[in-house]
Protein backbone atom coordinates (compact mmCIF):
# COMPACT_ATOMS: atom_id res chain seq x y z
CA MET A 1 -52.43 16.30 -84.65
CA SER A 2 -53.00 19.17 -82.32
CA SER A 3 -56.33 19.60 -80.76
CA PHE A 4 -55.90 23.06 -80.29
CA LYS A 5 -58.43 25.57 -81.66
CA LEU A 6 -59.00 29.17 -82.58
CA ILE A 7 -62.36 30.49 -82.13
CA ARG A 8 -63.56 34.20 -82.38
CA TYR A 9 -66.12 35.15 -80.34
CA THR A 10 -69.55 35.35 -81.50
CA ALA A 11 -73.13 35.81 -80.38
CA ASN A 12 -73.77 32.04 -80.80
CA PRO A 13 -73.05 30.02 -77.48
CA SER A 14 -73.22 26.68 -79.65
CA GLN A 15 -69.70 27.53 -80.66
CA HIS A 16 -68.43 27.30 -77.08
CA ASN A 17 -69.70 24.46 -75.63
CA VAL A 18 -66.84 22.25 -74.03
CA ASP A 19 -67.31 19.11 -71.83
CA PHE A 20 -64.41 19.80 -69.39
CA ARG A 21 -63.78 21.86 -66.53
CA LEU A 22 -60.84 24.25 -67.17
CA ILE A 23 -59.10 27.26 -66.26
CA LEU A 24 -59.79 30.67 -67.94
CA LEU A 25 -56.54 32.29 -68.67
CA THR A 26 -57.18 36.36 -69.81
CA GLY A 27 -54.43 38.12 -71.65
CA ALA A 28 -53.59 34.32 -72.88
CA LEU A 29 -51.66 35.75 -75.86
CA GLY A 30 -49.70 38.49 -73.66
CA PHE A 31 -46.11 37.83 -72.51
CA CYS A 32 -46.62 36.26 -69.61
CA GLY A 33 -50.15 34.91 -70.45
CA PHE A 34 -48.13 32.75 -73.46
CA HIS A 35 -45.51 31.40 -71.08
CA ALA A 36 -48.28 30.84 -68.14
CA TRP A 37 -50.42 28.71 -70.66
CA SER A 38 -47.56 27.01 -71.84
CA ARG A 39 -46.69 25.91 -68.10
CA LEU A 40 -50.75 25.66 -67.30
CA ILE A 41 -50.53 22.70 -70.01
CA ALA A 42 -47.23 21.04 -69.04
CA ALA A 43 -48.77 20.51 -65.48
CA GLY A 44 -51.61 18.67 -67.07
CA HIS A 45 -54.42 21.59 -66.90
CA SER A 46 -57.30 22.37 -69.75
CA VAL A 47 -57.17 25.83 -70.61
CA LEU A 48 -59.51 28.63 -72.48
CA GLY A 49 -57.56 31.42 -73.43
CA ILE A 50 -59.00 34.87 -74.27
CA ASP A 51 -57.07 37.71 -75.54
CA SER A 52 -58.60 40.79 -77.40
CA ILE A 53 -55.42 40.87 -79.97
CA SER A 54 -55.36 44.87 -79.28
CA THR A 55 -52.88 47.00 -81.45
CA TYR A 56 -51.11 48.26 -78.53
CA TYR A 57 -48.27 46.63 -79.95
CA ASP A 58 -48.00 44.69 -83.52
CA PRO A 59 -50.69 41.88 -83.23
CA ALA A 60 -48.17 39.80 -85.62
CA LEU A 61 -46.30 38.98 -82.29
CA LYS A 62 -49.50 37.74 -80.54
CA LEU A 63 -50.33 35.56 -83.23
CA ALA A 64 -47.03 34.01 -83.59
CA ARG A 65 -47.71 33.25 -79.82
CA LEU A 66 -50.71 31.87 -80.91
CA ALA A 67 -49.57 29.57 -83.25
CA ALA A 68 -46.61 28.27 -81.12
CA LEU A 69 -49.23 27.45 -78.67
CA GLY A 70 -51.12 25.49 -81.16
CA SER A 71 -48.98 22.38 -80.70
CA LEU A 72 -49.55 22.44 -76.97
CA GLY A 73 -52.40 20.17 -75.23
CA ASP A 74 -55.97 20.40 -75.30
CA SER A 75 -56.33 23.82 -75.49
CA ARG A 76 -58.93 26.48 -76.96
CA PHE A 77 -58.67 30.12 -77.53
CA VAL A 78 -61.47 32.86 -77.91
CA GLU A 79 -60.54 36.48 -79.14
CA THR A 80 -62.84 38.67 -77.12
CA ASP A 81 -62.33 41.65 -74.73
CA ILE A 82 -62.58 41.76 -70.94
CA ALA A 83 -64.32 45.15 -71.00
CA ASN A 84 -66.88 44.03 -72.94
CA ALA A 85 -69.15 42.43 -69.85
CA ALA A 86 -71.93 40.57 -72.23
CA GLN A 87 -69.67 38.66 -74.20
CA LEU A 88 -67.38 37.89 -71.03
CA ARG A 89 -70.64 36.80 -69.08
CA GLU A 90 -72.16 34.57 -71.88
CA LEU A 91 -68.93 32.80 -72.58
CA VAL A 92 -68.02 31.94 -68.89
CA ALA A 93 -71.80 30.67 -68.34
CA LYS A 94 -71.36 28.05 -71.54
CA HIS A 95 -67.77 26.54 -69.76
CA SER A 96 -67.40 25.03 -66.24
CA ILE A 97 -64.44 27.07 -65.17
CA SER A 98 -62.76 25.93 -61.96
CA ALA A 99 -60.27 28.42 -61.97
CA VAL A 100 -59.38 32.13 -63.30
CA ILE A 101 -55.70 33.62 -64.03
CA HIS A 102 -56.25 37.14 -65.15
CA LEU A 103 -53.30 38.57 -66.76
CA ALA A 104 -54.98 40.92 -69.26
CA ALA A 105 -54.36 44.17 -68.47
CA GLN A 106 -53.43 47.56 -70.54
CA PRO A 107 -49.92 47.33 -69.39
CA GLY A 108 -46.93 50.22 -69.62
CA VAL A 109 -46.21 53.26 -67.38
CA ARG A 110 -45.22 55.77 -70.17
CA HIS A 111 -48.35 55.10 -72.33
CA SER A 112 -50.42 55.56 -69.26
CA LEU A 113 -49.23 59.24 -69.47
CA THR A 114 -50.60 60.07 -72.58
CA HIS A 115 -53.69 57.50 -73.16
CA PRO A 116 -55.50 57.20 -69.68
CA GLU A 117 -58.72 55.99 -71.30
CA ASP A 118 -56.94 52.72 -71.94
CA TYR A 119 -56.28 51.86 -68.39
CA ILE A 120 -59.82 52.74 -66.97
CA GLN A 121 -61.43 50.44 -69.91
CA ALA A 122 -58.99 47.49 -69.36
CA ASN A 123 -57.60 47.67 -66.09
CA LEU A 124 -60.80 48.89 -64.00
CA VAL A 125 -63.87 48.20 -66.14
CA GLY A 126 -62.36 44.92 -67.34
CA PHE A 127 -60.80 43.74 -63.97
CA ALA A 128 -64.66 44.68 -62.55
CA ASN A 129 -66.36 42.16 -65.10
CA VAL A 130 -63.76 39.37 -64.17
CA LEU A 131 -64.74 39.91 -60.66
CA GLU A 132 -68.12 39.46 -61.73
CA VAL A 133 -68.01 36.28 -63.61
CA CYS A 134 -65.79 34.80 -60.94
CA ARG A 135 -68.02 35.61 -58.36
CA HIS A 136 -71.19 34.17 -60.59
CA ALA A 137 -69.62 30.92 -61.51
CA LYS A 138 -67.96 30.33 -58.08
CA VAL A 139 -64.71 29.95 -59.08
CA GLU A 140 -62.16 28.08 -56.41
CA HIS A 141 -59.37 30.55 -56.91
CA LEU A 142 -58.51 33.99 -58.95
CA VAL A 143 -55.01 34.73 -59.35
CA TYR A 144 -54.52 37.97 -61.21
CA ALA A 145 -51.42 40.15 -62.01
CA SER A 146 -50.91 42.86 -60.10
CA SER A 147 -47.15 45.18 -60.28
CA SER A 148 -44.10 46.09 -57.94
CA SER A 149 -45.39 49.50 -59.77
CA VAL A 150 -47.87 49.63 -56.74
CA TYR A 151 -45.15 50.54 -54.60
CA GLY A 152 -44.74 54.03 -56.11
CA ALA A 153 -42.72 56.32 -54.14
CA ASN A 154 -41.49 53.91 -51.49
CA THR A 155 -37.62 54.14 -50.86
CA LYS A 156 -37.29 50.94 -48.00
CA ALA A 157 -36.19 48.04 -49.73
CA PRO A 158 -36.56 45.55 -50.09
CA PHE A 159 -40.47 45.89 -51.30
CA SER A 160 -42.56 44.11 -48.61
CA GLU A 161 -46.29 43.03 -49.52
CA GLN A 162 -46.83 44.67 -46.10
CA ASP A 163 -45.55 48.16 -46.88
CA SER A 164 -48.19 50.87 -47.61
CA VAL A 165 -48.75 51.32 -51.25
CA ASP A 166 -50.63 54.54 -51.10
CA HIS A 167 -48.54 56.63 -53.26
CA PRO A 168 -48.57 55.59 -57.15
CA VAL A 169 -46.53 57.84 -59.58
CA SER A 170 -48.29 56.64 -62.54
CA LEU A 171 -51.93 56.11 -63.38
CA TYR A 172 -51.02 52.28 -64.56
CA ALA A 173 -49.77 51.79 -61.15
CA ALA A 174 -52.87 53.19 -59.31
CA THR A 175 -55.17 50.83 -61.74
CA LYS A 176 -53.39 47.87 -60.01
CA LYS A 177 -53.45 49.11 -56.74
CA ALA A 178 -57.16 49.27 -57.20
CA ASN A 179 -57.51 46.12 -58.63
CA GLU A 180 -56.32 45.04 -54.92
CA LEU A 181 -58.76 46.77 -53.60
CA MET A 182 -61.47 45.40 -55.55
CA ALA A 183 -60.74 41.93 -55.36
CA HIS A 184 -60.51 42.42 -51.57
CA SER A 185 -63.99 43.45 -51.37
CA TYR A 186 -65.01 40.49 -53.42
CA SER A 187 -63.20 38.25 -51.39
CA HIS A 188 -64.99 39.95 -48.21
CA LEU A 189 -68.46 40.00 -49.63
CA TYR A 190 -68.88 37.21 -51.52
CA GLY A 191 -65.83 34.54 -50.17
CA LEU A 192 -64.41 34.82 -53.51
CA PRO A 193 -60.68 33.09 -52.78
CA THR A 194 -58.12 35.78 -54.73
CA THR A 195 -54.96 36.06 -54.71
CA ALA A 196 -52.24 39.42 -56.03
CA LEU A 197 -49.34 38.50 -57.87
CA ARG A 198 -46.81 41.70 -57.69
CA PHE A 199 -44.54 41.04 -61.12
CA PHE A 200 -41.15 42.89 -61.17
CA THR A 201 -40.09 43.67 -64.31
CA VAL A 202 -40.64 40.64 -66.21
CA TYR A 203 -38.16 39.99 -69.07
CA GLY A 204 -37.61 37.07 -71.60
CA PRO A 205 -38.37 34.98 -74.59
CA TRP A 206 -41.38 36.20 -76.35
CA GLY A 207 -41.25 39.76 -74.57
CA ARG A 208 -42.98 42.74 -75.10
CA PRO A 209 -41.71 45.34 -77.81
CA ASP A 210 -42.40 48.10 -75.57
CA MET A 211 -40.17 46.89 -73.00
CA ALA A 212 -36.32 47.88 -72.05
CA PRO A 213 -35.25 44.78 -73.21
CA TRP A 214 -36.45 44.59 -76.73
CA LEU A 215 -36.06 48.42 -77.10
CA PHE A 216 -32.44 48.06 -76.49
CA THR A 217 -31.80 45.10 -78.26
CA ASP A 218 -33.71 46.59 -81.38
CA ALA A 219 -31.24 49.46 -81.17
CA ILE A 220 -28.01 47.64 -80.78
CA MET A 221 -28.70 45.11 -83.55
CA GLN A 222 -29.44 47.93 -85.78
CA GLY A 223 -26.72 50.11 -84.38
CA LYS A 224 -28.72 52.81 -83.34
CA PRO A 225 -28.23 54.62 -79.90
CA ILE A 226 -30.34 53.40 -76.88
CA ASN A 227 -31.89 55.97 -74.13
CA VAL A 228 -30.82 55.43 -70.78
CA PHE A 229 -33.00 57.35 -68.42
CA ASN A 230 -31.48 59.07 -65.29
CA GLU A 231 -27.91 58.89 -66.68
CA GLY A 232 -28.36 55.22 -65.93
CA ARG A 233 -28.42 55.59 -62.30
CA LEU A 234 -31.52 53.07 -62.11
CA SER A 235 -31.89 49.33 -60.70
CA ARG A 236 -34.50 46.81 -61.55
CA ASP A 237 -35.23 43.24 -60.33
CA PHE A 238 -35.41 41.69 -63.35
CA THR A 239 -37.26 38.38 -63.18
CA TYR A 240 -37.33 35.99 -65.88
CA VAL A 241 -40.37 34.99 -67.28
CA GLU A 242 -40.38 31.15 -66.85
CA ASP A 243 -39.99 31.82 -63.31
CA VAL A 244 -42.91 34.40 -63.19
CA ALA A 245 -44.93 31.37 -65.27
CA GLU A 246 -43.73 28.35 -62.85
CA ALA A 247 -45.03 31.08 -59.81
CA VAL A 248 -48.64 31.48 -61.19
CA VAL A 249 -49.17 27.87 -61.87
CA ARG A 250 -47.87 26.50 -57.97
CA VAL A 251 -49.81 29.86 -56.59
CA LEU A 252 -52.89 28.75 -58.45
CA GLU A 253 -53.03 25.56 -56.59
CA LYS A 254 -52.88 27.33 -53.19
CA ALA A 255 -56.50 29.26 -52.82
CA PRO A 256 -56.33 31.55 -49.68
CA ILE A 257 -58.94 30.41 -47.03
CA SER A 258 -60.92 33.10 -44.39
CA ASN A 259 -59.05 33.40 -41.28
CA PRO A 260 -61.13 33.74 -38.22
CA ASN A 261 -58.81 34.89 -35.85
CA TYR A 262 -57.39 37.50 -38.10
CA ASP A 263 -56.72 40.54 -35.79
CA HIS A 264 -58.32 43.62 -37.08
CA SER A 265 -56.32 45.83 -34.34
CA LYS A 266 -53.31 45.37 -36.21
CA PRO A 267 -54.24 45.31 -39.82
CA ARG A 268 -51.92 43.86 -42.49
CA ALA A 269 -51.72 45.32 -45.93
CA ASP A 270 -51.31 41.75 -47.42
CA GLU A 271 -53.79 39.80 -45.77
CA SER A 272 -57.25 39.98 -43.95
CA ASP A 273 -60.13 37.47 -42.68
CA ALA A 274 -61.34 37.25 -45.91
CA PRO A 275 -60.04 34.56 -48.73
CA TYR A 276 -57.44 37.19 -49.95
CA ARG A 277 -53.83 37.65 -50.21
CA VAL A 278 -50.72 39.74 -52.13
CA LEU A 279 -47.64 38.35 -52.87
CA ASN A 280 -44.28 39.73 -54.43
CA VAL A 281 -43.22 37.84 -57.29
CA GLY A 282 -39.66 38.89 -58.06
CA ASN A 283 -35.77 37.40 -58.39
CA GLU A 284 -34.57 39.52 -55.09
CA ARG A 285 -31.54 40.69 -56.68
CA PRO A 286 -31.70 44.14 -58.39
CA VAL A 287 -29.47 44.77 -61.16
CA GLN A 288 -28.07 48.10 -61.98
CA LEU A 289 -29.34 49.31 -65.40
CA MET A 290 -25.73 49.71 -66.75
CA ASP A 291 -24.83 46.14 -65.47
CA PHE A 292 -27.88 45.04 -67.46
CA ILE A 293 -26.84 46.76 -70.62
CA ALA A 294 -23.20 45.46 -70.39
CA GLN A 295 -24.69 41.81 -70.15
CA LEU A 296 -27.00 42.68 -72.85
CA GLU A 297 -23.99 43.72 -75.10
CA ILE A 298 -22.22 40.09 -73.89
CA ALA A 299 -25.47 38.23 -74.87
CA LEU A 300 -26.12 39.90 -78.33
CA GLY A 301 -22.18 39.94 -78.85
CA LYS A 302 -22.44 43.69 -79.68
CA LYS A 303 -21.57 47.02 -77.97
CA ALA A 304 -24.24 49.44 -77.44
CA THR A 305 -24.15 53.47 -78.20
CA LEU A 306 -25.88 55.00 -75.16
CA ASN A 307 -27.86 58.15 -75.13
CA PHE A 308 -27.79 59.55 -71.43
CA LEU A 309 -31.48 61.27 -70.36
CA PRO A 310 -33.36 62.68 -67.53
CA MET A 311 -35.69 60.66 -65.34
CA GLN A 312 -38.92 59.69 -66.97
CA ALA A 313 -42.23 60.88 -65.31
CA GLY A 314 -43.68 57.81 -63.38
CA ASP A 315 -40.50 56.13 -63.40
CA VAL A 316 -38.71 55.06 -59.96
CA LEU A 317 -35.51 54.79 -58.76
CA ARG A 318 -35.10 51.23 -57.62
CA THR A 319 -37.17 48.17 -57.15
CA GLU A 320 -36.51 45.34 -54.93
CA ALA A 321 -38.62 42.13 -54.08
CA ASP A 322 -38.70 40.55 -50.57
CA VAL A 323 -40.42 37.02 -51.71
CA SER A 324 -40.20 35.27 -48.22
CA SER A 325 -43.87 35.03 -48.47
CA LEU A 326 -44.16 33.35 -52.06
CA ARG A 327 -41.23 30.74 -51.01
CA ALA A 328 -43.30 29.87 -47.65
CA LEU A 329 -46.26 29.33 -49.54
CA ILE A 330 -45.15 27.36 -52.29
CA ASP A 331 -41.81 26.50 -51.87
CA TYR A 332 -40.30 28.10 -54.56
CA ALA A 333 -39.13 31.85 -55.84
CA PRO A 334 -37.21 33.27 -59.38
CA SER A 335 -33.66 32.58 -59.19
CA THR A 336 -32.69 32.77 -62.91
CA PRO A 337 -29.27 34.54 -62.85
CA ILE A 338 -29.72 37.98 -65.27
CA GLU A 339 -26.69 36.47 -67.60
CA VAL A 340 -28.93 33.11 -68.06
CA GLY A 341 -32.15 34.82 -68.61
CA LEU A 342 -30.60 37.48 -71.04
CA ALA A 343 -28.54 34.87 -72.80
CA LYS A 344 -32.02 32.96 -73.30
CA TRP A 345 -33.81 36.42 -74.54
CA ALA A 346 -30.98 37.02 -77.22
CA ALA A 347 -31.16 33.56 -78.48
CA TRP A 348 -35.14 33.83 -78.90
CA TYR A 349 -34.89 37.27 -80.45
CA LYS A 350 -32.12 36.27 -83.05
CA SER A 351 -34.40 33.10 -83.75
CA TYR A 352 -37.78 35.16 -83.95
CA HIS A 353 -36.19 37.72 -86.30
CA GLY A 354 -34.26 35.08 -88.76
CA LEU A 355 -30.65 36.51 -87.45
């Protein structure tokens, strides 16, 4: 029988006492959070997952992920919001947290154009709360999700962690850049080891309904046209989600340390004398949007009807990750080919929808 427990947060701390050191995983029922949790359990870690189960997309999907996680290991889940500082402090105070993987965030570039307040609360206020509890709990490592969107208007490819990221083209991207700056200040002031992971266009089973793979698949299966922005002249470094989860778990075990020999006369964007680092997590193989659609058609066994549209505000033409730093640190980098990843995505989608 599974020992998994669902705990809805209350003000009674006696409900949250546990007697083992464990990893706090925020955004545990999100797309990447679900896969990271599964991989952590497979690696033998104990996990305390938290998630607000927001209504940004249908909560039924998060609850289905929760049900799937219920068969895994000795895990705990608490429904709470990282933007609620008092709840987060109380929760962490009642557990022996050894490390934190912070994947909770308000995602989506286009949503940030119309609902900026969601990003301020979740991505700035919430992240500040996470930093504070990590500081006071003296956690050994904070690994958190940044995004390839921080590269903004950059055109040099591949994107390197040493590149300037001072020109975001969406509020979402700006909040992720802000997270990296906030983390550095805590690493510098309090010696908190922090690692930012810049994820590149993650896709795969249990994905998000607001992302292109799900939107395209929905439309294709229903015989509806799909919206293809910038007339299809876009490319993305599509990264399979299980590869991302593997990278997260491996990086967790490699906390950065202070570097007393850091040369301040030659500053770098990806590290400093503080226990701080930034890493790209991508597949290194940009795929043209039209090629992605063609491969999705093969995986689904159905043709798409295309509705070509202009470039969207906040979007970028191309992403491509330089993952040499990631590979050097953990002897691993994402490598699942798009045809393999999309086949797995299509199989999961059909199964989830009973097709």
